[in-house]
Amino acid sequence: MIRARRVVGILVVAACSTDLPAPPSLVETSTGAASSSSAGTGADSTTGDVPVVEVLDVRLDLEIKASIDVTIVRRGLAIEATIDASKGYGVVPGDALVGVGRIDAYPEVGATLYTATFDAPAQAEGPCGDAAVSLALALHHDDDADVIAGGLTAYCGDGVFFGVPVIEPLRISGRM
């Protein structure tokens, strides 16, 4: 009995370890043309002749009554996300926001997760008042369905993407 508890304890600790690798990302990690630089030109290898691939471009429902345009592109190894909401709910500005994104494929369940973070200016009428707003986007898509759903979570402060959100996450859903 004691031996079984030890084994279970070891398995629990191993399963909860934060040293586990992250799920594989769709971002290519091989060194290719994007990592080579043009000799003598001073060209930045990350902005040179890197092809731009549009991964996702969709208009989705935001809290059922409004809409949000989401565009995700791959520029070499970098993932860039753009959002433009028709209604701000006190946390999203009226202009489009561009942020750093990530695409994670989960082939074992046939799903893809799109995530991104955005730094937004303060919205005086919003719950953060004069503080900047940080937004975290998460969208889930099952590979065998045309439905995509997720949320946009707001935090007060610049670069704050954890803790207790300032409002409930804004629900996002729609069809691809």
Foldseek 3Di string as FASTA:
>chain_A
DVVVVVVVVVVVCVVPDPPDDDADFPQDPDDDQLPDDDPPPPDNSQPDPFDKAWDDWDWWAWLNPWIKTWTWIDGRRWIKIKIAIPDQQQQADRDIWIWGKTWHADVVQQKIKIKTKTWAAHRCVHLLHRFIKIKIWIKMDRNVFQKIWTWIFIDTHGPDDDDDTSDPTTIIMDGD
